[in-house]
């Protein structure tokens, strides 16, 4: 794979994965004229702060990938699945002690 193909693939992947972020930002900016706490400045600062945190975590993960052996890294994809199964089993076996919603009396 040559450099131009790699760069175009990376840019396309970045654009496609951030398409949902664009819809969220448009919604926030559309709501900002009617909100006192949601200003364009706070939306922009939040976007840059959140994106910077994502970049920092990605760089940390890249650094760890250089240090750790490559074989166990592939199993990290199972982590979200195992967390979901764990929470489902906790709800089923735990006797339904999850979220309790109180209905108002009439």
PDB file of N, CA and C in Angstrom:
ATOM      1  N   UNK A   1       0.857  -1.169   0.000  1.00  0.00           N
ATOM      2  CA  UNK A   1       0.000   0.000   0.000  1.00  0.00           C
ATOM      3  C   UNK A   1       0.903   1.231   0.000  1.00  0.00           C
ATOM      4  N   UNK A   2       0.686   2.121  -0.946  1.00  0.00           N
ATOM      5  CA  UNK A   2       1.536   3.297  -1.007  1.00  0.00           C
ATOM      6  C   UNK A   2       1.017   4.408  -0.086  1.00  0.00           C
ATOM      7  N   UNK A   3       1.780   5.463   0.044  1.00  0.00           N
ATOM      8  CA  UNK A   3       1.488   6.523   1.007  1.00  0.00           C
ATOM      9  C   UNK A   3       0.189   7.258   0.677  1.00  0.00           C
ATOM     10  N   UNK A   4      -0.053   7.555  -0.592  1.00  0.00           N
ATOM     11  CA  UNK A   4      -1.265   8.297  -0.948  1.00  0.00           C
ATOM     12  C   UNK A   4      -2.525   7.484  -0.660  1.00  0.00           C
ATOM     13  N   UNK A   5      -2.471   6.190  -0.871  1.00  0.00           N
ATOM     14  CA  UNK A   5      -3.619   5.338  -0.551  1.00  0.00           C
ATOM     15  C   UNK A   5      -3.857   5.294   0.950  1.00  0.00           C
ATOM     16  N   UNK A   6      -2.791   5.221   1.714  1.00  0.00           N
ATOM     17  CA  UNK A   6      -2.922   5.207   3.176  1.00  0.00           C
ATOM     18  C   UNK A   6      -3.510   6.510   3.690  1.00  0.00           C
ATOM     19  N   UNK A   7      -3.039   7.629   3.149  1.00  0.00           N
ATOM     20  CA  UNK A   7      -3.547   8.929   3.593  1.00  0.00           C
ATOM     21  C   UNK A   7      -5.003   9.096   3.206  1.00  0.00           C
ATOM     22  N   UNK A   8      -5.374   8.710   2.004  1.00  0.00           N
ATOM     23  CA  UNK A   8      -6.774   8.859   1.593  1.00  0.00           C
ATOM     24  C   UNK A   8      -7.691   7.939   2.392  1.00  0.00           C
ATOM     25  N   UNK A   9      -7.221   6.736   2.700  1.00  0.00           N
ATOM     26  CA  UNK A   9      -8.012   5.819   3.535  1.00  0.00           C
ATOM     27  C   UNK A   9      -8.188   6.381   4.939  1.00  0.00           C
ATOM     28  N   UNK A  10      -7.126   6.939   5.504  1.00  0.00           N
ATOM     29  CA  UNK A  10      -7.209   7.521   6.848  1.00  0.00           C
ATOM     30  C   UNK A  10      -8.156   8.715   6.872  1.00  0.00           C
ATOM     31  N   UNK A  11      -8.070   9.581   5.875  1.00  0.00           N
ATOM     32  CA  UNK A  11      -8.958  10.756   5.830  1.00  0.00           C
ATOM     33  C   UNK A  11     -10.412  10.345   5.644  1.00  0.00           C
ATOM     34  N   UNK A  12     -10.658   9.381   4.783  1.00  0.00           N
ATOM     35  CA  UNK A  12     -12.030   8.910   4.572  1.00  0.00           C
ATOM     36  C   UNK A  12     -12.591   8.271   5.836  1.00  0.00           C
ATOM     37  N   UNK A  13     -11.790   7.478   6.509  1.00  0.00           N
ATOM     38  CA  UNK A  13     -12.236   6.855   7.762  1.00  0.00           C
ATOM     39  C   UNK A  13     -12.542   7.907   8.817  1.00  0.00           C
ATOM     40  N   UNK A  14     -11.688   8.922   8.918  1.00  0.00           N
ATOM     41  CA  UNK A  14     -11.904   9.993   9.880  1.00  0.00           C
ATOM     42  C   UNK A  14     -13.202  10.730   9.590  1.00  0.00           C
ATOM     43  N   UNK A  15     -13.439  11.062   8.329  1.00  0.00           N
ATOM     44  CA  UNK A  15     -14.662  11.783   7.974  1.00  0.00           C
ATOM     45  C   UNK A  15     -15.911  10.948   8.242  1.00  0.00           C
ATOM     46  N   UNK A  16     -15.874   9.687   7.892  1.00  0.00           N
ATOM     47  CA  UNK A  16     -17.054   8.843   8.068  1.00  0.00           C
ATOM     48  C   UNK A  16     -17.358   8.567   9.539  1.00  0.00           C
ATOM     49  N   UNK A  17     -16.321   8.404  10.347  1.00  0.00           N
ATOM     50  CA  UNK A  17     -16.578   8.128  11.765  1.00  0.00           C
ATOM     51  C   UNK A  17     -16.985   9.368  12.529  1.00  0.00           C
ATOM     52  N   UNK A  18     -16.696  10.552  12.006  1.00  0.00           N
ATOM     53  CA  UNK A  18     -17.081  11.783  12.687  1.00  0.00           C
ATOM     54  C   UNK A  18     -18.339  12.410  12.099  1.00  0.00           C
ATOM     55  N   UNK A  19     -19.013  11.700  11.230  1.00  0.00           N
ATOM     56  CA  UNK A  19     -20.242  12.217  10.644  1.00  0.00           C
ATOM     57  C   UNK A  19     -21.332  12.373  11.706  1.00  0.00           C
ATOM     58  N   UNK A  20     -21.427  11.440  12.641  1.00  0.00           N
ATOM     59  CA  UNK A  20     -22.421  11.560  13.701  1.00  0.00           C
ATOM     60  C   UNK A  20     -22.114  12.736  14.616  1.00  0.00           C
ATOM     61  N   UNK A  21     -20.845  13.044  14.803  1.00  0.00           N
ATOM     62  CA  UNK A  21     -20.450  14.196  15.612  1.00  0.00           C
ATOM     63  C   UNK A  21     -20.943  15.488  14.974  1.00  0.00           C
ATOM     64  N   UNK A  22     -20.942  15.536  13.662  1.00  0.00           N
ATOM     65  CA  UNK A  22     -21.444  16.712  12.953  1.00  0.00           C
ATOM     66  C   UNK A  22     -22.928  16.928  13.245  1.00  0.00           C
ATOM     67  N   UNK A  23     -23.713  15.863  13.260  1.00  0.00           N
ATOM     68  CA  UNK A  23     -25.136  15.988  13.555  1.00  0.00           C
ATOM     69  C   UNK A  23     -25.372  16.458  14.994  1.00  0.00           C
ATOM     70  N   UNK A  24     -24.567  15.965  15.918  1.00  0.00           N
ATOM     71  CA  UNK A  24     -24.693  16.392  17.311  1.00  0.00           C
ATOM     72  C   UNK A  24     -24.347  17.874  17.445  1.00  0.00           C
ATOM     73  N   UNK A  25     -23.291  18.309  16.780  1.00  0.00           N
ATOM     74  CA  UNK A  25     -22.911  19.723  16.838  1.00  0.00           C
ATOM     75  C   UNK A  25     -23.974  20.623  16.217  1.00  0.00           C
ATOM     76  N   UNK A  26     -24.535  20.193  15.103  1.00  0.00           N
ATOM     77  CA  UNK A  26     -25.596  20.983  14.470  1.00  0.00           C
ATOM     78  C   UNK A  26     -26.791  21.112  15.414  1.00  0.00           C
ATOM     79  N   UNK A  27     -27.122  20.035  16.107  1.00  0.00           N
ATOM     80  CA  UNK A  27     -28.226  20.075  17.066  1.00  0.00           C
ATOM     81  C   UNK A  27     -27.921  21.026  18.214  1.00  0.00           C
ATOM     82  N   UNK A  28     -26.703  20.958  18.745  1.00  0.00           N
ATOM     83  CA  UNK A  28     -26.323  21.863  19.834  1.00  0.00           C
ATOM     84  C   UNK A  28     -26.369  23.318  19.378  1.00  0.00           C
ATOM     85  N   UNK A  29     -25.826  23.613  18.201  1.00  0.00           N
ATOM     86  CA  UNK A  29     -25.832  24.986  17.712  1.00  0.00           C
ATOM     87  C   UNK A  29     -27.243  25.469  17.401  1.00  0.00           C
ATOM     88  N   UNK A  30     -28.118  24.578  16.948  1.00  0.00           N
ATOM     89  CA  UNK A  30     -29.505  24.964  16.694  1.00  0.00           C
ATOM     90  C   UNK A  30     -30.246  25.255  17.989  1.00  0.00           C
ATOM     91  N   UNK A  31     -29.855  24.584  19.074  1.00  0.00           N
ATOM     92  CA  UNK A  31     -30.504  24.775  20.363  1.00  0.00           C
ATOM     93  C   UNK A  31     -29.925  25.955  21.149  1.00  0.00           C
ATOM     94  N   UNK A  32     -28.753  26.427  20.774  1.00  0.00           N
ATOM     95  CA  UNK A  32     -28.068  27.456  21.547  1.00  0.00           C
ATOM     96  C   UNK A  32     -28.797  28.803  21.623  1.00  0.00           C
ATOM     97  N   UNK A  33     -29.553  29.249  20.613  1.00  0.00           N
ATOM     98  CA  UNK A  33     -30.242  30.543  20.773  1.00  0.00           C
ATOM     99  C   UNK A  33     -31.325  30.529  21.858  1.00  0.00           C
ATOM    100  N   UNK A  34     -31.869  29.372  22.183  1.00  0.00           N
ATOM    101  CA  UNK A  34     -32.934  29.307  23.185  1.00  0.00           C
ATOM    102  C   UNK A  34     -32.430  28.901  24.562  1.00  0.00           C
ATOM    103  N   UNK A  35     -31.136  28.649  24.699  1.00  0.00           N
ATOM    104  CA  UNK A  35     -30.578  28.184  25.957  1.00  0.00           C
ATOM    105  C   UNK A  35     -29.627  29.227  26.526  1.00  0.00           C
ATOM    106  N   UNK A  36     -29.693  29.410  27.858  1.00  0.00           N
ATOM    107  CA  UNK A  36     -28.791  30.365  28.497  1.00  0.00           C
ATOM    108  C   UNK A  36     -27.426  29.751  28.779  1.00  0.00           C
ATOM    109  N   UNK A  37     -27.383  28.453  29.062  1.00  0.00           N
ATOM    110  CA  UNK A  37     -26.121  27.812  29.410  1.00  0.00           C
ATOM    111  C   UNK A  37     -25.397  27.229  28.202  1.00  0.00           C
ATOM    112  N   UNK A  38     -26.096  27.020  27.118  1.00  0.00           N
ATOM    113  CA  UNK A  38     -25.520  26.400  25.931  1.00  0.00           C
ATOM    114  C   UNK A  38     -25.217  27.486  24.904  1.00  0.00           C
ATOM    115  N   UNK A  39     -24.017  28.044  24.992  1.00  0.00           N
ATOM    116  CA  UNK A  39     -23.617  29.109  24.073  1.00  0.00           C
ATOM    117  C   UNK A  39     -22.688  28.531  23.012  1.00  0.00           C
ATOM    118  N   UNK A  40     -22.551  29.226  21.898  1.00  0.00           N
ATOM    119  CA  UNK A  40     -21.606  28.735  20.879  1.00  0.00           C
ATOM    120  C   UNK A  40     -20.180  28.598  21.412  1.00  0.00           C
ATOM    121  N   UNK A  41     -19.795  29.449  22.357  1.00  0.00           N
ATOM    122  CA  UNK A  41     -18.461  29.337  22.932  1.00  0.00           C
ATOM    123  C   UNK A  41     -18.305  28.035  23.719  1.00  0.00           C
ATOM    124  N   UNK A  42     -19.290  27.701  24.560  1.00  0.00           N
ATOM    125  CA  UNK A  42     -19.185  26.466  25.340  1.00  0.00           C
ATOM    126  C   UNK A  42     -19.248  25.233  24.445  1.00  0.00           C
ATOM    127  N   UNK A  43     -20.025  25.300  23.367  1.00  0.00           N
ATOM    128  CA  UNK A  43     -20.094  24.183  22.427  1.00  0.00           C
ATOM    129  C   UNK A  43     -18.737  23.986  21.756  1.00  0.00           C
ATOM    130  N   UNK A  44     -18.128  25.075  21.302  1.00  0.00           N
ATOM    131  CA  UNK A  44     -16.831  24.998  20.630  1.00  0.00           C
ATOM    132  C   UNK A  44     -15.746  24.532  21.589  1.00  0.00           C
ATOM    133  N   UNK A  45     -15.713  25.092  22.803  1.00  0.00           N
ATOM    134  CA  UNK A  45     -14.719  24.668  23.785  1.00  0.00           C
ATOM    135  C   UNK A  45     -14.900  23.197  24.154  1.00  0.00           C
ATOM    136  N   UNK A  46     -16.138  22.771  24.311  1.00  0.00           N
ATOM    137  CA  UNK A  46     -16.404  21.368  24.622  1.00  0.00           C
ATOM    138  C   UNK A  46     -15.971  20.440  23.505  1.00  0.00           C
ATOM    139  N   UNK A  47     -16.185  20.869  22.273  1.00  0.00           N
ATOM    140  CA  UNK A  47     -15.770  20.057  21.128  1.00  0.00           C
ATOM    141  C   UNK A  47     -14.254  19.902  21.113  1.00  0.00           C
ATOM    142  N   UNK A  48     -13.533  21.008  21.269  1.00  0.00           N
ATOM    143  CA  UNK A  48     -12.066  20.938  21.255  1.00  0.00           C
ATOM    144  C   UNK A  48     -11.531  20.157  22.454  1.00  0.00           C
ATOM    145  N   UNK A  49     -12.114  20.344  23.620  1.00  0.00           N
ATOM    146  CA  UNK A  49     -11.668  19.621  24.803  1.00  0.00           C
ATOM    147  C   UNK A  49     -11.908  18.116  24.646  1.00  0.00           C
ATOM    148  N   UNK A  50     -13.100  17.750  24.214  1.00  0.00           N
ATOM    149  CA  UNK A  50     -13.412  16.336  24.019  1.00  0.00           C
ATOM    150  C   UNK A  50     -12.543  15.696  22.958  1.00  0.00           C
ATOM    151  N   UNK A  51     -12.315  16.398  21.869  1.00  0.00           N
ATOM    152  CA  UNK A  51     -11.477  15.851  20.800  1.00  0.00           C
ATOM    153  C   UNK A  51     -10.037  15.706  21.268  1.00  0.00           C
ATOM    154  N   UNK A  52      -9.561  16.666  22.053  1.00  0.00           N
ATOM    155  CA  UNK A  52      -8.191  16.583  22.583  1.00  0.00           C
ATOM    156  C   UNK A  52      -8.037  15.401  23.529  1.00  0.00           C
ATOM    157  N   UNK A  53      -9.059  15.142  24.335  1.00  0.00           N
ATOM    158  CA  UNK A  53      -9.015  13.993  25.240  1.00  0.00           C
ATOM    159  C   UNK A  53      -8.989  12.689  24.447  1.00  0.00           C
ATOM    160  N   UNK A  54      -9.791  12.613  23.389  1.00  0.00           N
ATOM    161  CA  UNK A  54      -9.799  11.412  22.549  1.00  0.00           C
ATOM    162  C   UNK A  54      -8.431  11.195  21.900  1.00  0.00           C
ATOM    163  N   UNK A  55      -7.809  12.269  21.418  1.00  0.00           N
ATOM    164  CA  UNK A  55      -6.484  12.161  20.806  1.00  0.00           C
ATOM    165  C   UNK A  55      -5.457  11.702  21.837  1.00  0.00           C
ATOM    166  N   UNK A  56      -5.519  12.260  23.066  1.00  0.00           N
ATOM    167  CA  UNK A  56      -4.571  11.876  24.121  1.00  0.00           C
ATOM    168  C   UNK A  56      -4.726  10.400  24.493  1.00  0.00           C
ATOM    169  N   UNK A  57      -5.960   9.933  24.617  1.00  0.00           N
ATOM    170  CA  UNK A  57      -6.184   8.521  24.939  1.00  0.00           C
ATOM    171  C   UNK A  57      -5.704   7.625  23.791  1.00  0.00           C
ATOM    172  N   UNK A  58      -5.916   8.056  22.556  1.00  0.00           N
ATOM    173  CA  UNK A  58      -5.441   7.282  21.413  1.00  0.00           C
ATOM    174  C   UNK A  58      -3.923   7.202  21.387  1.00  0.00           C
ATOM    175  N   UNK A  59      -3.263   8.306  21.719  1.00  0.00           N
ATOM    176  CA  UNK A  59      -1.796   8.295  21.757  1.00  0.00           C
ATOM    177  C   UNK A  59      -1.285   7.396  22.875  1.00  0.00           C
ATOM    178  N   UNK A  60      -1.986   7.393  24.003  1.00  0.00           N
ATOM    179  CA  UNK A  60      -1.619   6.497  25.095  1.00  0.00           C
ATOM    180  C   UNK A  60      -1.774   5.034  24.673  1.00  0.00           C
ATOM    181  N   UNK A  61      -2.869   4.729  24.001  1.00  0.00           N
ATOM    182  CA  UNK A  61      -3.089   3.376  23.499  1.00  0.00           C
ATOM    183  C   UNK A  61      -2.050   2.969  22.472  1.00  0.00           C
ATOM    184  N   UNK A  62      -1.657   3.907  21.634  1.00  0.00           N
ATOM    185  CA  UNK A  62      -0.615   3.607  20.645  1.00  0.00           C
ATOM    186  C   UNK A  62       0.707   3.311  21.338  1.00  0.00           C
ATOM    187  N   UNK A  63       1.019   4.091  22.362  1.00  0.00           N
ATOM    188  CA  UNK A  63       2.247   3.844  23.113  1.00  0.00           C
ATOM    189  C   UNK A  63       2.225   2.498  23.810  1.00  0.00           C
ATOM    190  N   UNK A  64       1.085   2.144  24.376  1.00  0.00           N
ATOM    191  CA  UNK A  64       0.967   0.840  25.017  1.00  0.00           C
ATOM    192  C   UNK A  64       1.061  -0.300  24.009  1.00  0.00           C
ATOM    193  N   UNK A  65       0.554  -0.063  22.814  1.00  0.00           N
ATOM    194  CA  UNK A  65       0.627  -1.095  21.779  1.00  0.00           C
ATOM    195  C   UNK A  65       2.064  -1.341  21.334  1.00  0.00           C
ATOM    196  N   UNK A  66       2.902  -0.324  21.453  1.00  0.00           N
ATOM    197  CA  UNK A  66       4.307  -0.519  21.113  1.00  0.00           C
ATOM    198  C   UNK A  66       5.038  -1.321  22.180  1.00  0.00           C
ATOM    199  N   UNK A  67       4.585  -1.198  23.437  1.00  0.00           N
ATOM    200  CA  UNK A  67       5.256  -1.864  24.554  1.00  0.00           C
ATOM    201  C   UNK A  67       4.753  -3.290  24.746  1.00  0.00           C
ATOM    202  N   UNK A  68       3.432  -3.484  24.634  1.00  0.00           N
ATOM    203  CA  UNK A  68       2.848  -4.807  24.872  1.00  0.00           C
ATOM    204  C   UNK A  68       3.069  -5.730  23.676  1.00  0.00           C
ATOM    205  N   UNK A  69       3.092  -7.019  23.930  1.00  0.00           N
ATOM    206  CA  UNK A  69       3.174  -7.952  22.800  1.00  0.00           C
ATOM    207  C   UNK A  69       1.897  -7.891  21.960  1.00  0.00           C
ATOM    208  N   UNK A  70       2.005  -8.171  20.686  1.00  0.00           N
ATOM    209  CA  UNK A  70       0.875  -7.981  19.777  1.00  0.00           C
ATOM    210  C   UNK A  70      -0.208  -9.045  19.915  1.00  0.00           C
ATOM    211  N   UNK A  71       0.100 -10.214  20.424  1.00  0.00           N
ATOM    212  CA  UNK A  71      -0.880 -11.290  20.490  1.00  0.00           C
ATOM    213  C   UNK A  71      -2.073 -10.948  21.404  1.00  0.00           C
ATOM    214  N   UNK A  72      -1.869 -10.485  22.634  1.00  0.00           N
ATOM    215  CA  UNK A  72      -3.034 -10.236  23.493  1.00  0.00           C
ATOM    216  C   UNK A  72      -3.824  -8.980  23.132  1.00  0.00           C
ATOM    217  N   UNK A  73      -3.272  -8.099  22.320  1.00  0.00           N
ATOM    218  CA  UNK A  73      -3.968  -6.861  21.971  1.00  0.00           C
ATOM    219  C   UNK A  73      -5.240  -7.160  21.186  1.00  0.00           C
ATOM    220  N   UNK A  74      -5.228  -8.194  20.379  1.00  0.00           N
ATOM    221  CA  UNK A  74      -6.415  -8.563  19.606  1.00  0.00           C
ATOM    222  C   UNK A  74      -7.599  -8.950  20.479  1.00  0.00           C
ATOM    223  N   UNK A  75      -7.324  -9.440  21.672  1.00  0.00           N
ATOM    224  CA  UNK A  75      -8.405  -9.843  22.574  1.00  0.00           C
ATOM    225  C   UNK A  75      -9.077  -8.651  23.259  1.00  0.00           C
ATOM    226  N   UNK A  76      -8.521  -7.455  23.137  1.00  0.00           N
ATOM    227  CA  UNK A  76      -9.143  -6.278  23.747  1.00  0.00           C
ATOM    228  C   UNK A  76     -10.498  -5.960  23.107  1.00  0.00           C
ATOM    229  N   UNK A  77     -10.715  -6.439  21.902  1.00  0.00           N
ATOM    230  CA  UNK A  77     -12.010  -6.249  21.250  1.00  0.00           C
ATOM    231  C   UNK A  77     -13.132  -6.999  21.946  1.00  0.00           C
ATOM    232  N   UNK A  78     -12.789  -8.012  22.714  1.00  0.00           N
ATOM    233  CA  UNK A  78     -13.799  -8.762  23.461  1.00  0.00           C
ATOM    234  C   UNK A  78     -14.246  -8.026  24.723  1.00  0.00           C
ATOM    235  N   UNK A  79     -13.484  -7.035  25.156  1.00  0.00           N
ATOM    236  CA  UNK A  79     -13.783  -6.332  26.401  1.00  0.00           C
ATOM    237  C   UNK A  79     -15.177  -5.698  26.409  1.00  0.00           C
ATOM    238  N   UNK A  80     -15.606  -4.946  25.381  1.00  0.00           N
ATOM    239  CA  UNK A  80     -16.969  -4.394  25.415  1.00  0.00           C
ATOM    240  C   UNK A  80     -18.051  -5.473  25.442  1.00  0.00           C
ATOM    241  N   UNK A  81     -17.811  -6.573  24.732  1.00  0.00           N
ATOM    242  CA  UNK A  81     -18.795  -7.662  24.721  1.00  0.00           C
ATOM    243  C   UNK A  81     -18.899  -8.280  26.111  1.00  0.00           C
ATOM    244  N   UNK A  82     -17.766  -8.521  26.751  1.00  0.00           N
ATOM    245  CA  UNK A  82     -17.774  -9.108  28.090  1.00  0.00           C
ATOM    246  C   UNK A  82     -18.422  -8.167  29.113  1.00  0.00           C
ATOM    247  N   UNK A  83     -18.188  -6.875  28.982  1.00  0.00           N
ATOM    248  CA  UNK A  83     -18.836  -5.916  29.887  1.00  0.00           C
ATOM    249  C   UNK A  83     -20.355  -5.920  29.708  1.00  0.00           C
ATOM    250  N   UNK A  84     -20.809  -6.020  28.458  1.00  0.00           N
ATOM    251  CA  UNK A  84     -22.245  -6.075  28.207  1.00  0.00           C
ATOM    252  C   UNK A  84     -22.878  -7.339  28.759  1.00  0.00           C
ATOM    253  N   UNK A  85     -22.223  -8.470  28.554  1.00  0.00           N
ATOM    254  CA  UNK A  85     -22.736  -9.740  29.089  1.00  0.00           C
ATOM    255  C   UNK A  85     -22.757  -9.686  30.615  1.00  0.00           C
ATOM    256  N   UNK A  86     -21.720  -9.112  31.205  1.00  0.00           N
ATOM    257  CA  UNK A  86     -21.647  -8.993  32.665  1.00  0.00           C
ATOM    258  C   UNK A  86     -22.821  -8.172  33.210  1.00  0.00           C
ATOM    259  N   UNK A  87     -23.139  -7.049  32.545  1.00  0.00           N
ATOM    260  CA  UNK A  87     -24.242  -6.203  33.004  1.00  0.00           C
ATOM    261  C   UNK A  87     -25.593  -6.887  32.804  1.00  0.00           C
ATOM    262  N   UNK A  88     -25.754  -7.628  31.714  1.00  0.00           N
ATOM    263  CA  UNK A  88     -27.009  -8.352  31.495  1.00  0.00           C
ATOM    264  C   UNK A  88     -27.185  -9.423  32.558  1.00  0.00           C
ATOM    265  N   UNK A  89     -26.120 -10.174  32.835  1.00  0.00           N
ATOM    266  CA  UNK A  89     -26.205 -11.193  33.881  1.00  0.00           C
ATOM    267  C   UNK A  89     -26.458 -10.565  35.251  1.00  0.00           C
ATOM    268  N   UNK A  90     -25.881  -9.407  35.495  1.00  0.00           N
ATOM    269  CA  UNK A  90     -26.108  -8.710  36.760  1.00  0.00           C
ATOM    270  C   UNK A  90     -27.577  -8.319  36.905  1.00  0.00           C
ATOM    271  N   UNK A  91     -28.193  -7.898  35.813  1.00  0.00           N
ATOM    272  CA  UNK A  91     -29.615  -7.549  35.861  1.00  0.00           C
ATOM    273  C   UNK A  91     -30.495  -8.785  36.044  1.00  0.00           C
ATOM    274  N   UNK A  92     -30.152  -9.872  35.341  1.00  0.00           N
ATOM    275  CA  UNK A  92     -30.977 -11.068  35.406  1.00  0.00           C
ATOM    276  C   UNK A  92     -30.818 -11.803  36.733  1.00  0.00           C
ATOM    277  N   UNK A  93     -29.594 -11.981  37.179  1.00  0.00           N
ATOM    278  CA  UNK A  93     -29.332 -12.748  38.388  1.00  0.00           C
ATOM    279  C   UNK A  93     -29.498 -11.892  39.638  1.00  0.00           C
ATOM    280  N   UNK A  94     -29.279 -10.596  39.509  1.00  0.00           N
ATOM    281  CA  UNK A  94     -29.331  -9.708  40.665  1.00  0.00           C
ATOM    282  C   UNK A  94     -30.731  -9.469  41.204  1.00  0.00           C
ATOM    283  N   UNK A  95     -31.732 -10.073  40.644  1.00  0.00           N
ATOM    284  CA  UNK A  95     -33.096  -9.921  41.138  1.00  0.00           C
ATOM    285  C   UNK A  95     -33.751  -8.615  40.733  1.00  0.00           C
ATOM    286  N   UNK A  96     -33.252  -7.974  39.688  1.00  0.00           N
ATOM    287  CA  UNK A  96     -33.866  -6.741  39.215  1.00  0.00           C
ATOM    288  C   UNK A  96     -33.650  -5.561  40.145  1.00  0.00           C
ATOM    289  N   UNK A  97     -32.503  -5.496  40.794  1.00  0.00           N
ATOM    290  CA  UNK A  97     -32.220  -4.393  41.696  1.00  0.00           C
ATOM    291  C   UNK A  97     -31.564  -3.239  40.957  1.00  0.00           C
ATOM    292  N   UNK A  98     -31.841  -3.114  39.715  1.00  0.00           N
ATOM    293  CA  UNK A  98     -31.265  -2.057  38.893  1.00  0.00           C
ATOM    294  C   UNK A  98     -31.966  -0.736  39.144  1.00  0.00           C
ATOM    295  N   UNK A  99     -32.490  -0.149  38.120  1.00  0.00           N
ATOM    296  CA  UNK A  99     -33.131   1.147  38.199  1.00  0.00           C
ATOM    297  C   UNK A  99     -34.541   0.991  38.746  1.00  0.00           C
ATOM    298  N   UNK A 100     -34.881   1.778  39.753  1.00  0.00           N
ATOM    299  CA  UNK A 100     -36.220   1.769  40.332  1.00  0.00           C
ATOM    300  C   UNK A 100     -36.896   3.086  39.970  1.00  0.00           C
ATOM    301  N   UNK A 101     -38.050   2.983  39.322  1.00  0.00           N
ATOM    302  CA  UNK A 101     -38.784   4.173  38.915  1.00  0.00           C
ATOM    303  C   UNK A 101     -40.028   4.270  39.798  1.00  0.00           C
ATOM    304  N   UNK A 102     -40.151   5.376  40.509  1.00  0.00           N
ATOM    305  CA  UNK A 102     -41.334   5.568  41.357  1.00  0.00           C
ATOM    306  C   UNK A 102     -42.371   6.349  40.569  1.00  0.00           C
ATOM    307  N   UNK A 103     -43.570   5.815  40.567  1.00  0.00           N
ATOM    308  CA  UNK A 103     -44.669   6.492  39.887  1.00  0.00           C
ATOM    309  C   UNK A 103     -45.330   7.449  40.864  1.00  0.00           C
ATOM    310  N   UNK A 104     -45.684   8.629  40.400  1.00  0.00           N
ATOM    311  CA  UNK A 104     -46.358   9.571  41.304  1.00  0.00           C
ATOM    312  C   UNK A 104     -47.763   9.084  41.652  1.00  0.00           C
ATOM    313  N   UNK A 105     -48.145   9.316  42.893  1.00  0.00           N
ATOM    314  CA  UNK A 105     -49.489   8.892  43.313  1.00  0.00           C
ATOM    315  C   UNK A 105     -50.511   9.900  42.829  1.00  0.00           C
ATOM    316  N   UNK A 106     -51.692   9.374  42.490  1.00  0.00           N
ATOM    317  CA  UNK A 106     -52.734  10.252  41.946  1.00  0.00           C
ATOM    318  C   UNK A 106     -53.850  10.435  42.919  1.00  0.00           C
TER     319      UNK A 106
END
